[in-house]
Protein backbone atom coordinates (compact mmCIF):
# COMPACT_ATOMS: atom_id res chain seq x y z
CA MET A 1 83.13 18.49 -36.59
CA HIS A 2 81.49 21.90 -36.91
CA GLY A 3 79.96 23.16 -40.08
CA GLY A 4 81.82 20.67 -42.27
CA ARG A 5 85.30 21.66 -40.88
CA SER A 6 87.64 19.84 -38.32
CA LEU A 7 89.81 21.62 -35.89
CA ALA A 8 93.16 20.00 -35.03
CA VAL A 9 94.31 20.63 -31.41
CA PRO A 10 98.13 20.83 -31.14
CA ALA A 11 99.93 18.00 -29.33
CA PRO A 12 101.65 18.93 -26.11
CA GLY A 13 105.19 20.47 -26.83
CA ALA A 14 103.91 21.31 -30.40
CA LEU A 15 104.91 24.98 -29.87
CA ALA A 16 108.54 23.88 -29.28
CA GLU A 17 108.43 22.63 -32.93
CA LEU A 18 107.26 25.94 -34.14
CA PRO A 19 110.15 28.42 -33.59
CA ASP A 20 108.63 31.08 -35.67
CA LEU A 21 105.43 30.74 -33.65
CA ARG A 22 107.45 31.21 -30.45
CA GLU A 23 109.34 34.10 -31.75
CA ALA A 24 106.10 35.80 -32.95
CA LEU A 25 104.45 35.07 -29.45
CA MET A 26 107.56 36.62 -27.82
CA LEU A 27 107.51 39.82 -29.95
CA ILE A 28 103.76 40.17 -29.06
CA VAL A 29 104.58 39.84 -25.22
CA ILE A 30 107.44 42.36 -25.54
CA SER A 31 105.23 44.66 -27.54
CA MET A 32 102.60 44.58 -24.98
CA LEU A 33 105.09 45.15 -22.15
CA TRP A 34 106.47 48.22 -23.97
CA LEU A 35 102.94 49.53 -24.97
CA THR A 36 102.12 49.29 -21.07
CA PHE A 37 105.13 51.28 -20.21
CA VAL A 38 104.51 53.95 -22.70
CA VAL A 39 100.84 54.13 -21.75
CA GLY A 40 101.91 54.40 -18.00
CA ALA A 41 104.27 57.16 -18.79
CA VAL A 42 101.78 59.03 -21.00
CA LEU A 43 99.39 58.93 -18.04
CA GLN A 44 101.91 60.11 -15.58
CA LEU A 45 102.63 63.17 -17.87
CA LEU A 46 98.92 63.78 -18.25
CA LEU A 47 97.89 63.31 -14.45
CA CYS A 48 100.93 64.48 -12.66
CA GLY A 49 103.05 66.71 -15.19
CA PRO A 50 106.61 66.12 -16.12
CA LEU A 51 108.55 63.28 -14.57
CA ALA A 52 110.35 64.60 -11.32
CA MET A 53 114.17 64.37 -11.32
CA ALA A 54 115.96 63.50 -8.21
CA THR A 55 118.68 65.60 -6.91
CA GLN A 56 121.57 64.34 -4.72
CA ILE A 57 121.62 66.26 -1.67
CA SER A 58 124.30 64.23 0.15
CA GLU A 59 125.47 60.64 0.36
CA GLY A 60 122.18 58.58 0.57
CA LEU A 61 119.76 61.60 0.37
CA GLN A 62 117.96 62.77 -2.50
CA LYS A 63 115.46 65.50 -3.12
CA VAL A 64 112.51 65.35 -5.82
CA VAL A 65 110.58 68.64 -6.43
CA LEU A 66 107.08 67.20 -7.53
CA GLN A 67 105.51 70.78 -7.81
CA GLN A 68 107.61 73.96 -7.70
CA GLY A 69 106.23 76.56 -5.85
CA THR A 70 104.87 79.92 -7.44
CA GLY A 71 105.38 82.35 -4.58
CA GLN A 72 108.40 84.96 -3.87
CA ARG A 73 111.67 83.22 -3.05
CA PRO A 74 112.12 83.52 0.65
CA ASN A 75 114.97 85.37 2.29
CA ARG A 76 117.35 84.23 4.92
CA GLY A 77 115.64 84.09 8.33
CA ASP A 78 112.14 83.88 6.85
CA THR A 79 109.57 81.11 8.16
CA ILE A 80 108.48 78.82 5.45
CA THR A 81 105.90 75.98 5.27
CA VAL A 82 106.66 72.93 3.17
CA GLN A 83 104.96 69.70 2.54
CA CYS A 84 107.19 66.79 2.29
CA THR A 85 107.50 62.95 2.90
CA GLY A 86 110.44 60.90 4.00
CA MET A 87 110.75 57.66 2.04
CA LEU A 88 113.18 54.76 2.68
CA HIS A 89 114.61 53.29 -0.49
CA GLY A 90 113.09 49.83 -1.19
CA ASP A 91 110.41 48.03 -3.43
CA PRO A 92 108.11 49.45 -2.69
CA PRO A 93 109.60 52.50 -0.99
CA LYS A 94 108.55 52.85 2.71
CA LYS A 95 107.16 56.18 4.27
CA PHE A 96 109.05 56.86 7.41
CA TRP A 97 108.06 60.59 7.95
CA ARG A 98 105.24 62.87 6.82
């Protein structure tokens, strides 16, 4: 007893008897996951700009331009410098060349 009130502790398995509470908890969890995704996407946009889209170069090879260059377009035969990283598909992706 605390301050004239008693606190009932639910018995083990009591949540199974309260489907509305289980559904509400599931909605809360799903909402939190969705919110986490949205916040992550907004931070990606704020910190890195628009999400990059992959372009299929050939079978098994994709190109993603993270930041488009601002200089003049090179002509055939010009020497250019690029910054790139080779990544193998996986979870997480593995760098194999930089």
